[in-house]
Amino acid sequence: MADCIFCKIAGGGIPSNKIYEDEELLAFYDLKPQAPLHFLVIPKKHIPSVMDLDSADVPLLGRLLNKAQELAAALGCAETGARFVINCKADGGQTVDHLHCHVLGGRALGWPPG
């Protein structure tokens, strides 16, 4: 999608501090981290939100979550844990209309988040 910032990042038009990339996924550090470790994992395919998934996207979402888990563990959260957040639409706090998973770790995180 031409006006989507995450599509531009995935396409290389906007630089990011990449952690991981393959043909379907991209992971990069958040520009405004909310924890010592804060990165995003996005599908390169433009999917606006979890509410917009269809059955054909289920394997991609599974890969996304699995890659988020692998990266969180590799970046030091295997023993202490991390928070995986997928905000959905305006009431869910989503600010970029492209499916993405925030991974936060490196400190104890309170609940509710705020």
PDB file of N, CA and C in Angstrom:
ATOM      1  N   MET A   1       0.850  -1.178   0.000  1.00  0.00           N
ATOM      2  CA  MET A   1       0.000   0.000   0.000  1.00  0.00           C
ATOM      3  C   MET A   1       0.894   1.239   0.000  1.00  0.00           C
ATOM      4  N   ALA A   2       0.688   2.121  -0.921  1.00  0.00           N
ATOM      5  CA  ALA A   2       1.598   3.235  -1.196  1.00  0.00           C
ATOM      6  C   ALA A   2       1.772   4.201  -0.034  1.00  0.00           C
ATOM      7  N   ASP A   3       0.745   4.452   0.755  1.00  0.00           N
ATOM      8  CA  ASP A   3       0.850   5.438   1.827  1.00  0.00           C
ATOM      9  C   ASP A   3       1.112   4.827   3.204  1.00  0.00           C
ATOM     10  N   CYS A   4       1.380   3.550   3.282  1.00  0.00           N
ATOM     11  CA  CYS A   4       1.602   2.862   4.558  1.00  0.00           C
ATOM     12  C   CYS A   4       3.080   2.935   4.943  1.00  0.00           C
ATOM     13  N   ILE A   5       3.372   3.503   6.103  1.00  0.00           N
ATOM     14  CA  ILE A   5       4.761   3.648   6.538  1.00  0.00           C
ATOM     15  C   ILE A   5       5.448   2.295   6.709  1.00  0.00           C
ATOM     16  N   PHE A   6       4.729   1.272   7.207  1.00  0.00           N
ATOM     17  CA  PHE A   6       5.359  -0.036   7.382  1.00  0.00           C
ATOM     18  C   PHE A   6       5.604  -0.712   6.040  1.00  0.00           C
ATOM     19  N   CYS A   7       4.745  -0.491   5.061  1.00  0.00           N
ATOM     20  CA  CYS A   7       5.013  -1.011   3.717  1.00  0.00           C
ATOM     21  C   CYS A   7       6.255  -0.340   3.137  1.00  0.00           C
ATOM     22  N   LYS A   8       6.420   0.961   3.399  1.00  0.00           N
ATOM     23  CA  LYS A   8       7.603   1.671   2.918  1.00  0.00           C
ATOM     24  C   LYS A   8       8.860   1.145   3.604  1.00  0.00           C
ATOM     25  N   ILE A   9       8.778   0.860   4.894  1.00  0.00           N
ATOM     26  CA  ILE A   9       9.918   0.292   5.615  1.00  0.00           C
ATOM     27  C   ILE A   9      10.231  -1.098   5.056  1.00  0.00           C
ATOM     28  N   ALA A  10       9.193  -1.924   4.894  1.00  0.00           N
ATOM     29  CA  ALA A  10       9.391  -3.287   4.379  1.00  0.00           C
ATOM     30  C   ALA A  10       9.975  -3.273   2.968  1.00  0.00           C
ATOM     31  N   GLY A  11       9.613  -2.272   2.181  1.00  0.00           N
ATOM     32  CA  GLY A  11      10.112  -2.169   0.819  1.00  0.00           C
ATOM     33  C   GLY A  11      11.479  -1.512   0.701  1.00  0.00           C
ATOM     34  N   GLY A  12      12.013  -1.029   1.827  1.00  0.00           N
ATOM     35  CA  GLY A  12      13.324  -0.398   1.813  1.00  0.00           C
ATOM     36  C   GLY A  12      13.312   1.091   1.520  1.00  0.00           C
ATOM     37  N   GLY A  13      12.128   1.668   1.365  1.00  0.00           N
ATOM     38  CA  GLY A  13      12.027   3.099   1.080  1.00  0.00           C
ATOM     39  C   GLY A  13      12.286   3.987   2.283  1.00  0.00           C
ATOM     40  N   ILE A  14      12.101   3.447   3.468  1.00  0.00           N
ATOM     41  CA  ILE A  14      12.395   4.150   4.719  1.00  0.00           C
ATOM     42  C   ILE A  14      13.334   3.247   5.506  1.00  0.00           C
ATOM     43  N   PRO A  15      14.464   3.790   5.962  1.00  0.00           N
ATOM     44  CA  PRO A  15      15.401   2.945   6.710  1.00  0.00           C
ATOM     45  C   PRO A  15      14.859   2.555   8.082  1.00  0.00           C
ATOM     46  N   SER A  16      15.325   1.418   8.581  1.00  0.00           N
ATOM     47  CA  SER A  16      14.977   0.959   9.923  1.00  0.00           C
ATOM     48  C   SER A  16      16.182   0.250  10.514  1.00  0.00           C
ATOM     49  N   ASN A  17      16.158   0.093  11.809  1.00  0.00           N
ATOM     50  CA  ASN A  17      17.213  -0.643  12.499  1.00  0.00           C
ATOM     51  C   ASN A  17      16.778  -2.104  12.538  1.00  0.00           C
ATOM     52  N   LYS A  18      17.049  -2.823  11.456  1.00  0.00           N
ATOM     53  CA  LYS A  18      16.569  -4.189  11.263  1.00  0.00           C
ATOM     54  C   LYS A  18      17.224  -5.176  12.211  1.00  0.00           C
ATOM     55  N   ILE A  19      16.396  -6.105  12.668  1.00  0.00           N
ATOM     56  CA  ILE A  19      16.867  -7.235  13.463  1.00  0.00           C
ATOM     57  C   ILE A  19      16.832  -8.502  12.625  1.00  0.00           C
ATOM     58  N   TYR A  20      15.800  -8.608  11.773  1.00  0.00           N
ATOM     59  CA  TYR A  20      15.581  -9.826  10.997  1.00  0.00           C
ATOM     60  C   TYR A  20      14.787  -9.467   9.748  1.00  0.00           C
ATOM     61  N   GLU A  21      15.063 -10.202   8.670  1.00  0.00           N
ATOM     62  CA  GLU A  21      14.273 -10.047   7.455  1.00  0.00           C
ATOM     63  C   GLU A  21      14.323 -11.331   6.656  1.00  0.00           C
ATOM     64  N   ASP A  22      13.166 -11.718   6.115  1.00  0.00           N
ATOM     65  CA  ASP A  22      13.092 -12.791   5.133  1.00  0.00           C
ATOM     66  C   ASP A  22      12.063 -12.380   4.085  1.00  0.00           C
ATOM     67  N   GLU A  23      11.630 -13.317   3.272  1.00  0.00           N
ATOM     68  CA  GLU A  23      10.716 -12.976   2.176  1.00  0.00           C
ATOM     69  C   GLU A  23       9.331 -12.528   2.648  1.00  0.00           C
ATOM     70  N   GLU A  24       8.926 -12.899   3.873  1.00  0.00           N
ATOM     71  CA  GLU A  24       7.585 -12.572   4.364  1.00  0.00           C
ATOM     72  C   GLU A  24       7.542 -11.641   5.567  1.00  0.00           C
ATOM     73  N   LEU A  25       8.634 -11.575   6.342  1.00  0.00           N
ATOM     74  CA  LEU A  25       8.620 -10.858   7.620  1.00  0.00           C
ATOM     75  C   LEU A  25       9.785  -9.883   7.728  1.00  0.00           C
ATOM     76  N   LEU A  26       9.573  -8.865   8.551  1.00  0.00           N
ATOM     77  CA  LEU A  26      10.620  -7.917   8.893  1.00  0.00           C
ATOM     78  C   LEU A  26      10.500  -7.606  10.376  1.00  0.00           C
ATOM     79  N   ALA A  27      11.613  -7.576  11.080  1.00  0.00           N
ATOM     80  CA  ALA A  27      11.643  -7.181  12.488  1.00  0.00           C
ATOM     81  C   ALA A  27      12.635  -6.032  12.629  1.00  0.00           C
ATOM     82  N   PHE A  28      12.238  -5.016  13.388  1.00  0.00           N
ATOM     83  CA  PHE A  28      13.096  -3.849  13.578  1.00  0.00           C
ATOM     84  C   PHE A  28      12.795  -3.203  14.918  1.00  0.00           C
ATOM     85  N   TYR A  29      13.787  -2.472  15.440  1.00  0.00           N
ATOM     86  CA  TYR A  29      13.629  -1.814  16.732  1.00  0.00           C
ATOM     87  C   TYR A  29      12.657  -0.645  16.630  1.00  0.00           C
ATOM     88  N   ASP A  30      11.855  -0.458  17.676  1.00  0.00           N
ATOM     89  CA  ASP A  30      10.910   0.649  17.756  1.00  0.00           C
ATOM     90  C   ASP A  30      11.670   1.961  17.905  1.00  0.00           C
ATOM     91  N   LEU A  31      11.199   3.005  17.225  1.00  0.00           N
ATOM     92  CA  LEU A  31      11.847   4.317  17.314  1.00  0.00           C
ATOM     93  C   LEU A  31      11.632   4.993  18.670  1.00  0.00           C
ATOM     94  N   LYS A  32      10.547   4.646  19.359  1.00  0.00           N
ATOM     95  CA  LYS A  32      10.241   5.221  20.670  1.00  0.00           C
ATOM     96  C   LYS A  32      10.050   4.082  21.670  1.00  0.00           C
ATOM     97  N   PRO A  33      11.149   3.428  22.054  1.00  0.00           N
ATOM     98  CA  PRO A  33      11.020   2.233  22.896  1.00  0.00           C
ATOM     99  C   PRO A  33      10.372   2.520  24.249  1.00  0.00           C
ATOM    100  N   GLN A  34       9.525   1.580  24.651  1.00  0.00           N
ATOM    101  CA  GLN A  34       8.817   1.669  25.924  1.00  0.00           C
ATOM    102  C   GLN A  34       9.389   0.708  26.955  1.00  0.00           C
ATOM    103  N   ALA A  35      10.467   0.034  26.617  1.00  0.00           N
ATOM    104  CA  ALA A  35      11.159  -0.910  27.503  1.00  0.00           C
ATOM    105  C   ALA A  35      12.588  -1.011  26.987  1.00  0.00           C
ATOM    106  N   PRO A  36      13.511  -1.548  27.800  1.00  0.00           N
ATOM    107  CA  PRO A  36      14.886  -1.689  27.320  1.00  0.00           C
ATOM    108  C   PRO A  36      14.999  -2.454  25.997  1.00  0.00           C
ATOM    109  N   LEU A  37      14.138  -3.442  25.803  1.00  0.00           N
ATOM    110  CA  LEU A  37      14.037  -4.142  24.530  1.00  0.00           C
ATOM    111  C   LEU A  37      12.641  -3.872  23.977  1.00  0.00           C
ATOM    112  N   HIS A  38      12.565  -3.295  22.800  1.00  0.00           N
ATOM    113  CA  HIS A  38      11.265  -3.021  22.169  1.00  0.00           C
ATOM    114  C   HIS A  38      11.465  -3.061  20.663  1.00  0.00           C
ATOM    115  N   PHE A  39      10.899  -4.094  20.061  1.00  0.00           N
ATOM    116  CA  PHE A  39      10.977  -4.208  18.610  1.00  0.00           C
ATOM    117  C   PHE A  39       9.626  -4.624  18.052  1.00  0.00           C
ATOM    118  N   LEU A  40       9.496  -4.477  16.742  1.00  0.00           N
ATOM    119  CA  LEU A  40       8.268  -4.831  16.029  1.00  0.00           C
ATOM    120  C   LEU A  40       8.572  -5.943  15.047  1.00  0.00           C
ATOM    121  N   VAL A  41       7.594  -6.802  14.844  1.00  0.00           N
ATOM    122  CA  VAL A  41       7.656  -7.796  13.775  1.00  0.00           C
ATOM    123  C   VAL A  41       6.437  -7.548  12.905  1.00  0.00           C
ATOM    124  N   ILE A  42       6.660  -7.380  11.604  1.00  0.00           N
ATOM    125  CA  ILE A  42       5.566  -7.099  10.677  1.00  0.00           C
ATOM    126  C   ILE A  42       5.603  -8.090   9.516  1.00  0.00           C
ATOM    127  N   PRO A  43       4.429  -8.377   8.956  1.00  0.00           N
ATOM    128  CA  PRO A  43       4.432  -9.099   7.681  1.00  0.00           C
ATOM    129  C   PRO A  43       4.728  -8.093   6.572  1.00  0.00           C
ATOM    130  N   LYS A  44       5.413  -8.514   5.537  1.00  0.00           N
ATOM    131  CA  LYS A  44       5.638  -7.620   4.403  1.00  0.00           C
ATOM    132  C   LYS A  44       4.342  -7.416   3.616  1.00  0.00           C
ATOM    133  N   LYS A  45       3.485  -8.396   3.651  1.00  0.00           N
ATOM    134  CA  LYS A  45       2.168  -8.269   3.025  1.00  0.00           C
ATOM    135  C   LYS A  45       1.353  -7.251   3.821  1.00  0.00           C
ATOM    136  N   HIS A  46       0.711  -6.348   3.138  1.00  0.00           N
ATOM    137  CA  HIS A  46      -0.112  -5.357   3.841  1.00  0.00           C
ATOM    138  C   HIS A  46      -1.417  -5.995   4.310  1.00  0.00           C
ATOM    139  N   ILE A  47      -1.548  -6.116   5.603  1.00  0.00           N
ATOM    140  CA  ILE A  47      -2.781  -6.547   6.261  1.00  0.00           C
ATOM    141  C   ILE A  47      -3.060  -5.456   7.282  1.00  0.00           C
ATOM    142  N   PRO A  48      -4.181  -4.750   7.200  1.00  0.00           N
ATOM    143  CA  PRO A  48      -4.412  -3.614   8.087  1.00  0.00           C
ATOM    144  C   PRO A  48      -4.395  -3.949   9.583  1.00  0.00           C
ATOM    145  N   SER A  49      -5.031  -5.040   9.986  1.00  0.00           N
ATOM    146  CA  SER A  49      -5.066  -5.398  11.408  1.00  0.00           C
ATOM    147  C   SER A  49      -5.453  -6.869  11.555  1.00  0.00           C
ATOM    148  N   VAL A  50      -5.410  -7.349  12.774  1.00  0.00           N
ATOM    149  CA  VAL A  50      -5.857  -8.720  13.051  1.00  0.00           C
ATOM    150  C   VAL A  50      -7.308  -8.907  12.600  1.00  0.00           C
ATOM    151  N   MET A  51      -8.102  -7.867  12.710  1.00  0.00           N
ATOM    152  CA  MET A  51      -9.510  -7.947  12.315  1.00  0.00           C
ATOM    153  C   MET A  51      -9.676  -8.144  10.808  1.00  0.00           C
ATOM    154  N   ASP A  52      -8.611  -7.948  10.062  1.00  0.00           N
ATOM    155  CA  ASP A  52      -8.661  -8.070   8.610  1.00  0.00           C
ATOM    156  C   ASP A  52      -8.016  -9.348   8.084  1.00  0.00           C
ATOM    157  N   LEU A  53      -7.588 -10.237   8.980  1.00  0.00           N
ATOM    158  CA  LEU A  53      -7.014 -11.514   8.553  1.00  0.00           C
ATOM    159  C   LEU A  53      -8.068 -12.381   7.886  1.00  0.00           C
ATOM    160  N   ASP A  54      -7.648 -13.160   6.915  1.00  0.00           N
ATOM    161  CA  ASP A  54      -8.531 -14.207   6.418  1.00  0.00           C
ATOM    162  C   ASP A  54      -7.826 -15.549   6.608  1.00  0.00           C
ATOM    163  N   SER A  55      -8.501 -16.615   6.317  1.00  0.00           N
ATOM    164  CA  SER A  55      -7.945 -17.940   6.616  1.00  0.00           C
ATOM    165  C   SER A  55      -6.610 -18.188   5.907  1.00  0.00           C
ATOM    166  N   ALA A  56      -6.406 -17.581   4.762  1.00  0.00           N
ATOM    167  CA  ALA A  56      -5.141 -17.759   4.045  1.00  0.00           C
ATOM    168  C   ALA A  56      -3.970 -17.107   4.781  1.00  0.00           C
ATOM    169  N   ASP A  57      -4.245 -16.164   5.690  1.00  0.00           N
ATOM    170  CA  ASP A  57      -3.196 -15.464   6.428  1.00  0.00           C
ATOM    171  C   ASP A  57      -2.788 -16.169   7.718  1.00  0.00           C
ATOM    172  N   VAL A  58      -3.498 -17.215   8.112  1.00  0.00           N
ATOM    173  CA  VAL A  58      -3.216 -17.900   9.377  1.00  0.00           C
ATOM    174  C   VAL A  58      -1.767 -18.411   9.451  1.00  0.00           C
ATOM    175  N   PRO A  59      -1.242 -19.073   8.427  1.00  0.00           N
ATOM    176  CA  PRO A  59       0.162 -19.512   8.511  1.00  0.00           C
ATOM    177  C   PRO A  59       1.143 -18.340   8.667  1.00  0.00           C
ATOM    178  N   LEU A  60       0.874 -17.222   8.009  1.00  0.00           N
ATOM    179  CA  LEU A  60       1.732 -16.051   8.116  1.00  0.00           C
ATOM    180  C   LEU A  60       1.715 -15.498   9.545  1.00  0.00           C
ATOM    181  N   LEU A  61       0.550 -15.428  10.154  1.00  0.00           N
ATOM    182  CA  LEU A  61       0.464 -14.948  11.536  1.00  0.00           C
ATOM    183  C   LEU A  61       1.199 -15.893  12.480  1.00  0.00           C
ATOM    184  N   GLY A  62       1.097 -17.182  12.233  1.00  0.00           N
ATOM    185  CA  GLY A  62       1.838 -18.149  13.037  1.00  0.00           C
ATOM    186  C   GLY A  62       3.336 -17.955  12.906  1.00  0.00           C
ATOM    187  N   ARG A  63       3.815 -17.739  11.699  1.00  0.00           N
ATOM    188  CA  ARG A  63       5.244 -17.481  11.479  1.00  0.00           C
ATOM    189  C   ARG A  63       5.672 -16.199  12.176  1.00  0.00           C
ATOM    190  N   LEU A  64       4.826 -15.165  12.098  1.00  0.00           N
ATOM    191  CA  LEU A  64       5.140 -13.889  12.728  1.00  0.00           C
ATOM    192  C   LEU A  64       5.327 -14.070  14.237  1.00  0.00           C
ATOM    193  N   LEU A  65       4.398 -14.746  14.878  1.00  0.00           N
ATOM    194  CA  LEU A  65       4.490 -14.952  16.333  1.00  0.00           C
ATOM    195  C   LEU A  65       5.673 -15.846  16.692  1.00  0.00           C
ATOM    196  N   ASN A  66       5.925 -16.853  15.881  1.00  0.00           N
ATOM    197  CA  ASN A  66       7.065 -17.726  16.141  1.00  0.00           C
ATOM    198  C   ASN A  66       8.381 -16.961  16.009  1.00  0.00           C
ATOM    199  N   LYS A  67       8.493 -16.121  14.995  1.00  0.00           N
ATOM    200  CA  LYS A  67       9.706 -15.320  14.812  1.00  0.00           C
ATOM    201  C   LYS A  67       9.852 -14.310  15.944  1.00  0.00           C
ATOM    202  N   ALA A  68       8.756 -13.711  16.395  1.00  0.00           N
ATOM    203  CA  ALA A  68       8.811 -12.784  17.535  1.00  0.00           C
ATOM    204  C   ALA A  68       9.345 -13.498  18.766  1.00  0.00           C
ATOM    205  N   GLN A  69       8.883 -14.711  19.008  1.00  0.00           N
ATOM    206  CA  GLN A  69       9.342 -15.504  20.153  1.00  0.00           C
ATOM    207  C   GLN A  69      10.825 -15.837  20.013  1.00  0.00           C
ATOM    208  N   GLU A  70      11.242 -16.279  18.850  1.00  0.00           N
ATOM    209  CA  GLU A  70      12.653 -16.617  18.623  1.00  0.00           C
ATOM    210  C   GLU A  70      13.562 -15.415  18.852  1.00  0.00           C
ATOM    211  N   LEU A  71      13.160 -14.266  18.317  1.00  0.00           N
ATOM    212  CA  LEU A  71      13.978 -13.065  18.467  1.00  0.00           C
ATOM    213  C   LEU A  71      14.013 -12.586  19.914  1.00  0.00           C
ATOM    214  N   ALA A  72      12.873 -12.636  20.596  1.00  0.00           N
ATOM    215  CA  ALA A  72      12.838 -12.240  22.010  1.00  0.00           C
ATOM    216  C   ALA A  72      13.794 -13.106  22.817  1.00  0.00           C
ATOM    217  N   ALA A  73      13.787 -14.399  22.572  1.00  0.00           N
ATOM    218  CA  ALA A  73      14.686 -15.305  23.286  1.00  0.00           C
ATOM    219  C   ALA A  73      16.145 -14.998  22.947  1.00  0.00           C
ATOM    220  N   ALA A  74      16.433 -14.802  21.672  1.00  0.00           N
ATOM    221  CA  ALA A  74      17.805 -14.521  21.251  1.00  0.00           C
ATOM    222  C   ALA A  74      18.327 -13.195  21.793  1.00  0.00           C
ATOM    223  N   LEU A  75      17.410 -12.262  22.060  1.00  0.00           N
ATOM    224  CA  LEU A  75      17.806 -10.941  22.551  1.00  0.00           C
ATOM    225  C   LEU A  75      17.741 -10.829  24.075  1.00  0.00           C
ATOM    226  N   GLY A  76      17.642 -11.969  24.757  1.00  0.00           N
ATOM    227  CA  GLY A  76      17.808 -11.972  26.201  1.00  0.00           C
ATOM    228  C   GLY A  76      16.580 -12.189  27.051  1.00  0.00           C
ATOM    229  N   CYS A  77      15.446 -12.494  26.457  1.00  0.00           N
ATOM    230  CA  CYS A  77      14.214 -12.636  27.227  1.00  0.00           C
ATOM    231  C   CYS A  77      13.793 -14.086  27.461  1.00  0.00           C
ATOM    232  N   ALA A  78      14.643 -15.041  27.138  1.00  0.00           N
ATOM    233  CA  ALA A  78      14.261 -16.451  27.259  1.00  0.00           C
ATOM    234  C   ALA A  78      13.909 -16.826  28.688  1.00  0.00           C
ATOM    235  N   GLU A  79      14.657 -16.341  29.648  1.00  0.00           N
ATOM    236  CA  GLU A  79      14.424 -16.723  31.049  1.00  0.00           C
ATOM    237  C   GLU A  79      13.409 -15.833  31.745  1.00  0.00           C
ATOM    238  N   THR A  80      13.461 -14.534  31.506  1.00  0.00           N
ATOM    239  CA  THR A  80      12.620 -13.604  32.258  1.00  0.00           C
ATOM    240  C   THR A  80      11.301 -13.278  31.579  1.00  0.00           C
ATOM    241  N   GLY A  81      11.208 -13.494  30.274  1.00  0.00           N
ATOM    242  CA  GLY A  81       9.965 -13.276  29.554  1.00  0.00           C
ATOM    243  C   GLY A  81       9.896 -11.937  28.850  1.00  0.00           C
ATOM    244  N   ALA A  82       8.801 -11.741  28.149  1.00  0.00           N
ATOM    245  CA  ALA A  82       8.564 -10.525  27.375  1.00  0.00           C
ATOM    246  C   ALA A  82       7.058 -10.366  27.185  1.00  0.00           C
ATOM    247  N   ARG A  83       6.665  -9.211  26.741  1.00  0.00           N
ATOM    248  CA  ARG A  83       5.262  -8.964  26.405  1.00  0.00           C
ATOM    249  C   ARG A  83       5.143  -8.861  24.893  1.00  0.00           C
ATOM    250  N   PHE A  84       4.159  -9.575  24.343  1.00  0.00           N
ATOM    251  CA  PHE A  84       3.852  -9.552  22.918  1.00  0.00           C
ATOM    252  C   PHE A  84       2.510  -8.838  22.780  1.00  0.00           C
ATOM    253  N   VAL A  85       2.484  -7.736  22.018  1.00  0.00           N
ATOM    254  CA  VAL A  85       1.281  -6.903  21.924  1.00  0.00           C
ATOM    255  C   VAL A  85       0.913  -6.714  20.461  1.00  0.00           C
ATOM    256  N   ILE A  86      -0.350  -7.010  20.146  1.00  0.00           N
ATOM    257  CA  ILE A  86      -0.889  -6.694  18.822  1.00  0.00           C
ATOM    258  C   ILE A  86      -2.111  -5.810  19.047  1.00  0.00           C
ATOM    259  N   ASN A  87      -1.921  -4.499  18.886  1.00  0.00           N
ATOM    260  CA  ASN A  87      -3.037  -3.569  19.005  1.00  0.00           C
ATOM    261  C   ASN A  87      -3.895  -3.682  17.752  1.00  0.00           C
ATOM    262  N   CYS A  88      -5.192  -3.481  17.922  1.00  0.00           N
ATOM    263  CA  CYS A  88      -6.104  -3.678  16.805  1.00  0.00           C
ATOM    264  C   CYS A  88      -7.118  -2.546  16.699  1.00  0.00           C
ATOM    265  N   LYS A  89      -7.013  -1.796  15.626  1.00  0.00           N
ATOM    266  CA  LYS A  89      -7.899  -0.693  15.300  1.00  0.00           C
ATOM    267  C   LYS A  89      -7.823   0.414  16.358  1.00  0.00           C
ATOM    268  N   ALA A  90      -8.594   1.467  16.185  1.00  0.00           N
ATOM    269  CA  ALA A  90      -8.481   2.669  17.022  1.00  0.00           C
ATOM    270  C   ALA A  90      -8.720   2.391  18.506  1.00  0.00           C
ATOM    271  N   ASP A  91      -9.788   1.683  18.838  1.00  0.00           N
ATOM    272  CA  ASP A  91     -10.078   1.435  20.252  1.00  0.00           C
ATOM    273  C   ASP A  91      -9.045   0.524  20.900  1.00  0.00           C
ATOM    274  N   GLY A  92      -8.341  -0.262  20.115  1.00  0.00           N
ATOM    275  CA  GLY A  92      -7.296  -1.130  20.633  1.00  0.00           C
ATOM    276  C   GLY A  92      -5.932  -0.461  20.706  1.00  0.00           C
ATOM    277  N   GLY A  93      -5.846   0.788  20.281  1.00  0.00           N
ATOM    278  CA  GLY A  93      -4.599   1.528  20.363  1.00  0.00           C
ATOM    279  C   GLY A  93      -3.706   1.424  19.142  1.00  0.00           C
ATOM    280  N   GLN A  94      -4.210   0.880  18.044  1.00  0.00           N
ATOM    281  CA  GLN A  94      -3.396   0.751  16.836  1.00  0.00           C
ATOM    282  C   GLN A  94      -3.224   2.119  16.191  1.00  0.00           C
ATOM    283  N   THR A  95      -1.978   2.512  15.939  1.00  0.00           N
ATOM    284  CA  THR A  95      -1.710   3.818  15.331  1.00  0.00           C
ATOM    285  C   THR A  95      -1.185   3.720  13.900  1.00  0.00           C
ATOM    286  N   VAL A  96      -0.716   2.552  13.499  1.00  0.00           N
ATOM    287  CA  VAL A  96      -0.307   2.314  12.115  1.00  0.00           C
ATOM    288  C   VAL A  96      -1.169   1.174  11.591  1.00  0.00           C
ATOM    289  N   ASP A  97      -1.892   1.438  10.515  1.00  0.00           N
ATOM    290  CA  ASP A  97      -2.822   0.447   9.967  1.00  0.00           C
ATOM    291  C   ASP A  97      -2.103  -0.587   9.107  1.00  0.00           C
ATOM    292  N   HIS A  98      -1.226  -1.324   9.764  1.00  0.00           N
ATOM    293  CA  HIS A  98      -0.501  -2.450   9.159  1.00  0.00           C
ATOM    294  C   HIS A  98      -0.238  -3.385  10.329  1.00  0.00           C
ATOM    295  N   LEU A  99      -0.693  -4.610  10.219  1.00  0.00           N
ATOM    296  CA  LEU A  99      -0.526  -5.585  11.293  1.00  0.00           C
ATOM    297  C   LEU A  99       0.913  -5.606  11.784  1.00  0.00           C
ATOM    298  N   HIS A 100       1.081  -5.532  13.101  1.00  0.00           N
ATOM    299  CA  HIS A 100       2.421  -5.600  13.682  1.00  0.00           C
ATOM    300  C   HIS A 100       2.338  -6.083  15.116  1.00  0.00           C
ATOM    301  N   CYS A 101       3.382  -6.751  15.545  1.00  0.00           N
ATOM    302  CA  CYS A 101       3.488  -7.250  16.909  1.00  0.00           C
ATOM    303  C   CYS A 101       4.629  -6.521  17.603  1.00  0.00           C
ATOM    304  N   HIS A 102       4.311  -5.838  18.696  1.00  0.00           N
ATOM    305  CA  HIS A 102       5.341  -5.231  19.543  1.00  0.00           C
ATOM    306  C   HIS A 102       5.868  -6.315  20.464  1.00  0.00           C
ATOM    307  N   VAL A 103       7.172  -6.357  20.667  1.00  0.00           N
ATOM    308  CA  VAL A 103       7.783  -7.232  21.658  1.00  0.00           C
ATOM    309  C   VAL A 103       8.556  -6.334  22.610  1.00  0.00           C
ATOM    310  N   LEU A 104       8.172  -6.398  23.893  1.00  0.00           N
ATOM    311  CA  LEU A 104       8.800  -5.578  24.924  1.00  0.00           C
ATOM    312  C   LEU A 104       9.389  -6.468  25.997  1.00  0.00           C
ATOM    313  N   GLY A 105      10.594  -6.159  26.441  1.00  0.00           N
ATOM    314  CA  GLY A 105      11.228  -6.945  27.487  1.00  0.00           C
ATOM    315  C   GLY A 105      12.395  -6.194  28.089  1.00  0.00           C
ATOM    316  N   GLY A 106      13.119  -6.881  28.923  1.00  0.00           N
ATOM    317  CA  GLY A 106      14.276  -6.295  29.564  1.00  0.00           C
ATOM    318  C   GLY A 106      13.992  -5.666  30.909  1.00  0.00           C
ATOM    319  N   ARG A 107      12.731  -5.690  31.334  1.00  0.00           N
ATOM    320  CA  ARG A 107      12.333  -5.209  32.653  1.00  0.00           C
ATOM    321  C   ARG A 107      10.969  -5.800  32.969  1.00  0.00           C
ATOM    322  N   ALA A 108      10.599  -5.767  34.242  1.00  0.00           N
ATOM    323  CA  ALA A 108       9.257  -6.216  34.630  1.00  0.00           C
ATOM    324  C   ALA A 108       8.239  -5.199  34.106  1.00  0.00           C
ATOM    325  N   LEU A 109       7.166  -5.697  33.517  1.00  0.00           N
ATOM    326  CA  LEU A 109       6.126  -4.844  32.948  1.00  0.00           C
ATOM    327  C   LEU A 109       4.867  -4.980  33.782  1.00  0.00           C
ATOM    328  N   GLY A 110       4.260  -3.887  34.160  1.00  0.00           N
ATOM    329  CA  GLY A 110       3.057  -3.916  34.982  1.00  0.00           C
ATOM    330  C   GLY A 110       1.805  -4.209  34.181  1.00  0.00           C
ATOM    331  N   TRP A 111       0.741  -4.510  34.912  1.00  0.00           N
ATOM    332  CA  TRP A 111      -0.570  -4.721  34.300  1.00  0.00           C
ATOM    333  C   TRP A 111      -1.633  -4.102  35.181  1.00  0.00           C
ATOM    334  N   PRO A 112      -2.589  -3.399  34.690  1.00  0.00           N
ATOM    335  CA  PRO A 112      -2.783  -3.109  33.256  1.00  0.00           C
ATOM    336  C   PRO A 112      -1.748  -2.120  32.749  1.00  0.00           C
ATOM    337  N   PRO A 113      -1.555  -2.106  31.425  1.00  0.00           N
ATOM    338  CA  PRO A 113      -0.490  -1.296  30.861  1.00  0.00           C
ATOM    339  C   PRO A 113      -0.729   0.203  30.957  1.00  0.00           C
ATOM    340  N   GLY A 114      -1.946   0.663  31.108  1.00  0.00           N
ATOM    341  CA  GLY A 114      -2.121   2.108  31.248  1.00  0.00           C
ATOM    342  C   GLY A 114      -3.345   2.664  30.734  1.00  0.00           C
TER     343      GLY A 114
END
